[in-house]
Every structure is written in structure tokens, then in C-alpha cells.
Amino acid sequence: MAIFGMFKNLLLGQQSNNQSTNHKLPSIILKDVNPMDHWKVLGEIAEGAFGKIEKVCSLSNSHLIAASKAISPQEGENLEDFLVEIEILSLAKEHENIVGLHACYFFEEKLYMILEYCAGGAI
């Protein structure tokens, strides 16, 4: 089964016929919620193999600036890696040395991660 199909099945709570699914989606992922209803794009920061990063501002708190990572899961990518990243970031959200995860959305076949904005470029 294509990795994207596995992702959709996980989000819909379904299982593949040829493989058991014991993954539990992190509760921070909001399904069928448009992130642009909550965040305003201020500009593009970067674009890479897994998607693009945009600087965004919260519509409910104009002082909250973040980075939006939009991911389109494709054939061959490891869904489990994305879910593990989301789970780890959601558990470590209060750690001063780890980039915070503000929100996560699955909308129109894309995964959006709204991350703490860190000025200064890549490390």
C-alpha cells in the first residue's frame, strides 16, 4: 500500500487488508481543519524535498509568530517518521532547548506542522 494511503487510513481510523495497524495518531493532529483559518502566511522561509516552510502569524494572537511546515506524504516516505516527530515535539513542548510544536493539521491531503519560529537561519 502506498505510504499516502497508509496515512489516510490512519487518519480515518481504518486498517489495511494486508497489514495490521497498531499506530495511534497523536491527539494534536486536527483533521479536516484548514490551518489558514487560524494562521496568516507572512512569507516563505524555505522549500525542500519534503515541502515548504512559511512564516505565519496566529490570527487569535498577533504576537505569536511561527513556522508552518507543509508536507505532502509521497510514495517511499516513512509515515512513521512523521508521526514520531509529531509525538516527540508534542511531548517536549515545554523544553527550552527543543523547538515547540504549536499545532498540527491534516487538511486536503497535506500535513501541516506549526512550529516555534526560530530566527537566525539553519543550523
C-alpha atoms as a PDB file:
ATOM      1  CA  MET A   1       0.000   0.000   0.000  1.00  0.00           C
ATOM      2  CA  ALA A   2       1.294   3.456  -0.848  1.00  0.00           C
ATOM      3  CA  ILE A   3       2.516   5.408   2.135  1.00  0.00           C
ATOM      4  CA  PHE A   4      -0.022   8.141   1.443  1.00  0.00           C
ATOM      5  CA  GLY A   5      -2.810   5.552   1.543  1.00  0.00           C
ATOM      6  CA  MET A   6      -1.499   4.344   4.901  1.00  0.00           C
ATOM      7  CA  PHE A   7      -1.549   7.928   6.166  1.00  0.00           C
ATOM      8  CA  LYS A   8      -5.134   8.423   5.032  1.00  0.00           C
ATOM      9  CA  ASN A   9      -6.155   5.128   6.649  1.00  0.00           C
ATOM     10  CA  LEU A  10      -4.545   6.168   9.920  1.00  0.00           C
ATOM     11  CA  LEU A  11      -6.339   9.491   9.859  1.00  0.00           C
ATOM     12  CA  LEU A  12      -9.638   7.823   9.074  1.00  0.00           C
ATOM     13  CA  GLY A  13      -9.081   5.091  11.663  1.00  0.00           C
ATOM     14  CA  GLN A  14      -9.077   2.286   9.095  1.00  0.00           C
ATOM     15  CA  GLN A  15      -6.763  -0.674   8.661  1.00  0.00           C
ATOM     16  CA  SER A  16      -5.132  -2.102   5.584  1.00  0.00           C
ATOM     17  CA  ASN A  17      -6.237  -5.567   4.465  1.00  0.00           C
ATOM     18  CA  ASN A  18      -2.671  -6.830   4.258  1.00  0.00           C
ATOM     19  CA  GLN A  19      -1.180  -5.183   7.300  1.00  0.00           C
ATOM     20  CA  SER A  20      -2.322  -4.569  10.853  1.00  0.00           C
ATOM     21  CA  THR A  21      -2.210  -1.000  12.058  1.00  0.00           C
ATOM     22  CA  ASN A  22      -1.290  -0.503  15.678  1.00  0.00           C
ATOM     23  CA  HIS A  23      -0.404   3.176  15.317  1.00  0.00           C
ATOM     24  CA  LYS A  24      -2.274   5.707  17.359  1.00  0.00           C
ATOM     25  CA  LEU A  25      -2.377   9.166  15.863  1.00  0.00           C
ATOM     26  CA  PRO A  26      -1.092  11.879  18.145  1.00  0.00           C
ATOM     27  CA  SER A  27      -4.086  13.761  19.511  1.00  0.00           C
ATOM     28  CA  ILE A  28      -2.509  17.074  18.487  1.00  0.00           C
ATOM     29  CA  ILE A  29      -3.315  16.370  14.798  1.00  0.00           C
ATOM     30  CA  LEU A  30      -6.525  18.175  13.840  1.00  0.00           C
ATOM     31  CA  LYS A  31      -8.252  16.502  10.901  1.00  0.00           C
ATOM     32  CA  ASP A  32     -10.206  18.420   8.250  1.00  0.00           C
ATOM     33  CA  VAL A  33      -9.355  21.783   9.810  1.00  0.00           C
ATOM     34  CA  ASN A  34      -7.872  24.391   7.476  1.00  0.00           C
ATOM     35  CA  PRO A  35      -4.764  25.814   9.174  1.00  0.00           C
ATOM     36  CA  MET A  36      -5.251  29.072   7.254  1.00  0.00           C
ATOM     37  CA  ASP A  37      -8.425  29.627   9.296  1.00  0.00           C
ATOM     38  CA  HIS A  38      -6.087  30.020  12.298  1.00  0.00           C
ATOM     39  CA  TRP A  39      -2.814  31.274  10.798  1.00  0.00           C
ATOM     40  CA  LYS A  40      -1.893  34.013   8.295  1.00  0.00           C
ATOM     41  CA  VAL A  41       1.050  33.406   5.948  1.00  0.00           C
ATOM     42  CA  LEU A  42       3.628  36.193   6.195  1.00  0.00           C
ATOM     43  CA  GLY A  43       6.069  34.770   3.638  1.00  0.00           C
ATOM     44  CA  GLU A  44       8.063  31.740   2.543  1.00  0.00           C
ATOM     45  CA  ILE A  45      11.169  30.847   4.539  1.00  0.00           C
ATOM     46  CA  ALA A  46      12.436  27.833   2.572  1.00  0.00           C
ATOM     47  CA  GLU A  47      11.438  24.950   0.327  1.00  0.00           C
ATOM     48  CA  GLY A  48      12.887  21.455   0.406  1.00  0.00           C
ATOM     49  CA  ALA A  49      12.328  17.851  -0.584  1.00  0.00           C
ATOM     50  CA  PHE A  50       9.575  17.289   1.997  1.00  0.00           C
ATOM     51  CA  GLY A  51       7.676  20.536   1.467  1.00  0.00           C
ATOM     52  CA  LYS A  52       7.924  24.226   2.188  1.00  0.00           C
ATOM     53  CA  ILE A  53       8.349  26.276   5.328  1.00  0.00           C
ATOM     54  CA  GLU A  54       6.408  29.523   5.696  1.00  0.00           C
ATOM     55  CA  LYS A  55       6.463  32.194   8.370  1.00  0.00           C
ATOM     56  CA  VAL A  56       2.954  32.502   9.831  1.00  0.00           C
ATOM     57  CA  CYS A  57       1.159  34.624  12.417  1.00  0.00           C
ATOM     58  CA  SER A  58      -1.649  33.437  14.668  1.00  0.00           C
ATOM     59  CA  LEU A  59      -4.985  35.055  13.838  1.00  0.00           C
ATOM     60  CA  SER A  60      -6.042  34.866  17.502  1.00  0.00           C
ATOM     61  CA  ASN A  61      -2.766  36.242  18.918  1.00  0.00           C
ATOM     62  CA  SER A  62      -0.866  38.575  16.585  1.00  0.00           C
ATOM     63  CA  HIS A  63       2.223  38.334  18.803  1.00  0.00           C
ATOM     64  CA  LEU A  64       2.567  34.592  18.123  1.00  0.00           C
ATOM     65  CA  ILE A  65       4.823  34.094  15.101  1.00  0.00           C
ATOM     66  CA  ALA A  66       5.557  30.549  13.958  1.00  0.00           C
ATOM     67  CA  ALA A  67       6.888  28.467  11.082  1.00  0.00           C
ATOM     68  CA  SER A  68       4.463  26.341   9.092  1.00  0.00           C
ATOM     69  CA  LYS A  69       5.875  23.138   7.620  1.00  0.00           C
ATOM     70  CA  ALA A  70       3.598  21.748   4.889  1.00  0.00           C
ATOM     71  CA  ILE A  71       4.272  18.110   3.995  1.00  0.00           C
ATOM     72  CA  SER A  72       2.771  16.091   1.158  1.00  0.00           C
ATOM     73  CA  PRO A  73       3.487  12.440   2.006  1.00  0.00           C
ATOM     74  CA  GLN A  74       4.678  10.643  -1.117  1.00  0.00           C
ATOM     75  CA  GLU A  75       5.481   7.092  -2.139  1.00  0.00           C
ATOM     76  CA  GLY A  76       8.555   5.825  -0.301  1.00  0.00           C
ATOM     77  CA  GLU A  77       8.477   8.266   2.594  1.00  0.00           C
ATOM     78  CA  ASN A  78       8.191   6.796   6.040  1.00  0.00           C
ATOM     79  CA  LEU A  79       4.908   7.796   7.667  1.00  0.00           C
ATOM     80  CA  GLU A  80       6.138   6.522  10.986  1.00  0.00           C
ATOM     81  CA  ASP A  81       8.950   9.120  10.973  1.00  0.00           C
ATOM     82  CA  PHE A  82       6.443  11.970  10.646  1.00  0.00           C
ATOM     83  CA  LEU A  83       4.236  10.575  13.410  1.00  0.00           C
ATOM     84  CA  VAL A  84       7.212  10.033  15.712  1.00  0.00           C
ATOM     85  CA  GLU A  85       8.415  13.611  15.082  1.00  0.00           C
ATOM     86  CA  ILE A  86       4.956  14.976  15.912  1.00  0.00           C
ATOM     87  CA  GLU A  87       4.664  12.828  19.030  1.00  0.00           C
ATOM     88  CA  ILE A  88       8.113  13.802  20.329  1.00  0.00           C
ATOM     89  CA  LEU A  89       7.590  17.510  19.675  1.00  0.00           C
ATOM     90  CA  SER A  90       4.166  17.462  21.331  1.00  0.00           C
ATOM     91  CA  LEU A  91       5.582  15.745  24.429  1.00  0.00           C
ATOM     92  CA  ALA A  92       8.583  18.085  24.671  1.00  0.00           C
ATOM     93  CA  LYS A  93       6.678  21.312  24.030  1.00  0.00           C
ATOM     94  CA  GLU A  94       7.836  22.997  27.240  1.00  0.00           C
ATOM     95  CA  HIS A  95      11.541  22.140  26.882  1.00  0.00           C
ATOM     96  CA  GLU A  96      13.640  25.281  26.433  1.00  0.00           C
ATOM     97  CA  ASN A  97      16.097  23.611  24.018  1.00  0.00           C
ATOM     98  CA  ILE A  98      13.583  21.931  21.697  1.00  0.00           C
ATOM     99  CA  VAL A  99      11.564  23.724  19.028  1.00  0.00           C
ATOM    100  CA  GLY A 100       7.938  23.809  20.151  1.00  0.00           C
ATOM    101  CA  LEU A 101       5.030  22.381  18.172  1.00  0.00           C
ATOM    102  CA  HIS A 102       2.064  24.782  18.389  1.00  0.00           C
ATOM    103  CA  ALA A 103      -0.404  22.799  16.272  1.00  0.00           C
ATOM    104  CA  CYS A 104      -0.669  20.101  13.647  1.00  0.00           C
ATOM    105  CA  TYR A 105      -3.312  19.758  10.924  1.00  0.00           C
ATOM    106  CA  PHE A 106      -4.210  17.226   8.242  1.00  0.00           C
ATOM    107  CA  PHE A 107      -6.105  19.132   5.566  1.00  0.00           C
ATOM    108  CA  GLU A 108      -6.603  18.470   1.853  1.00  0.00           C
ATOM    109  CA  GLU A 109      -4.119  15.589   1.818  1.00  0.00           C
ATOM    110  CA  LYS A 110      -1.317  17.612   3.435  1.00  0.00           C
ATOM    111  CA  LEU A 111       0.169  17.527   6.889  1.00  0.00           C
ATOM    112  CA  TYR A 112       0.826  20.962   8.403  1.00  0.00           C
ATOM    113  CA  MET A 113       3.096  21.346  11.406  1.00  0.00           C
ATOM    114  CA  ILE A 114       3.025  24.777  13.063  1.00  0.00           C
ATOM    115  CA  LEU A 115       6.377  25.074  14.801  1.00  0.00           C
ATOM    116  CA  GLU A 116       8.000  27.647  17.054  1.00  0.00           C
ATOM    117  CA  TYR A 117       9.691  30.263  14.864  1.00  0.00           C
ATOM    118  CA  CYS A 118      13.457  30.487  15.333  1.00  0.00           C
ATOM    119  CA  ALA A 119      15.071  33.485  13.655  1.00  0.00           C
ATOM    120  CA  GLY A 120      18.670  33.260  12.538  1.00  0.00           C
ATOM    121  CA  GLY A 121      18.608  30.658   9.769  1.00  0.00           C
ATOM    122  CA  ALA A 122      19.522  26.987   9.616  1.00  0.00           C
ATOM    123  CA  ILE A 123      21.962  25.289  11.943  1.00  0.00           C
END
